[in-house]
């Protein structure tokens, strides 16, 4: 069952957001494009929005945030949630990071009326997803190691060092 999700778009990005949603015939398709093209590989664009705060980093105040509801693919929304969690960002904030990245690249391309970048991410077929909610007693250490070294995987790591009061987040994308 697909439920509705909410995005908070800053007022200064609303015009570009509407333009791109029209290009993709809906927010859901545009969300999928942003996730596939940029979200899975932020490191390739020299972007590291990682926060070392204990709590999620939300968007700054005074951005004239506009509410936009849509119905995302549940599997992609879950993947997006994990990426946001790994970076320590609220999901709406991560969406805006991706939107701003694409806007920057669109302007660098001369603001064309048609702008589609291709994702260099391999196909999602036969991809094994494992997250902390999976209670799988058969998942052995060897399988976890295999996931870490598989060429088509994304590994999101969050660890807390209570002795030093430090929070570490790492997002590794192959």
Foldseek 3Di string as FASTA:
>chain_A
DWDKDKAWEFPVLVVVLVLQCVVQVHPQRSLVQLCQADVLCVVVVVDQLADFDPAADEDDPPRNIDMDMDTYDVVSVVVLVLSSVLRRHDSNVVVNVSSVVVVVVCVVVVVDSDDHDDGPQDDPPPPDDDDPVDPDPPCDPVNVVCQVPDQRHKDWDWDADVVVRTIHGDIDGD
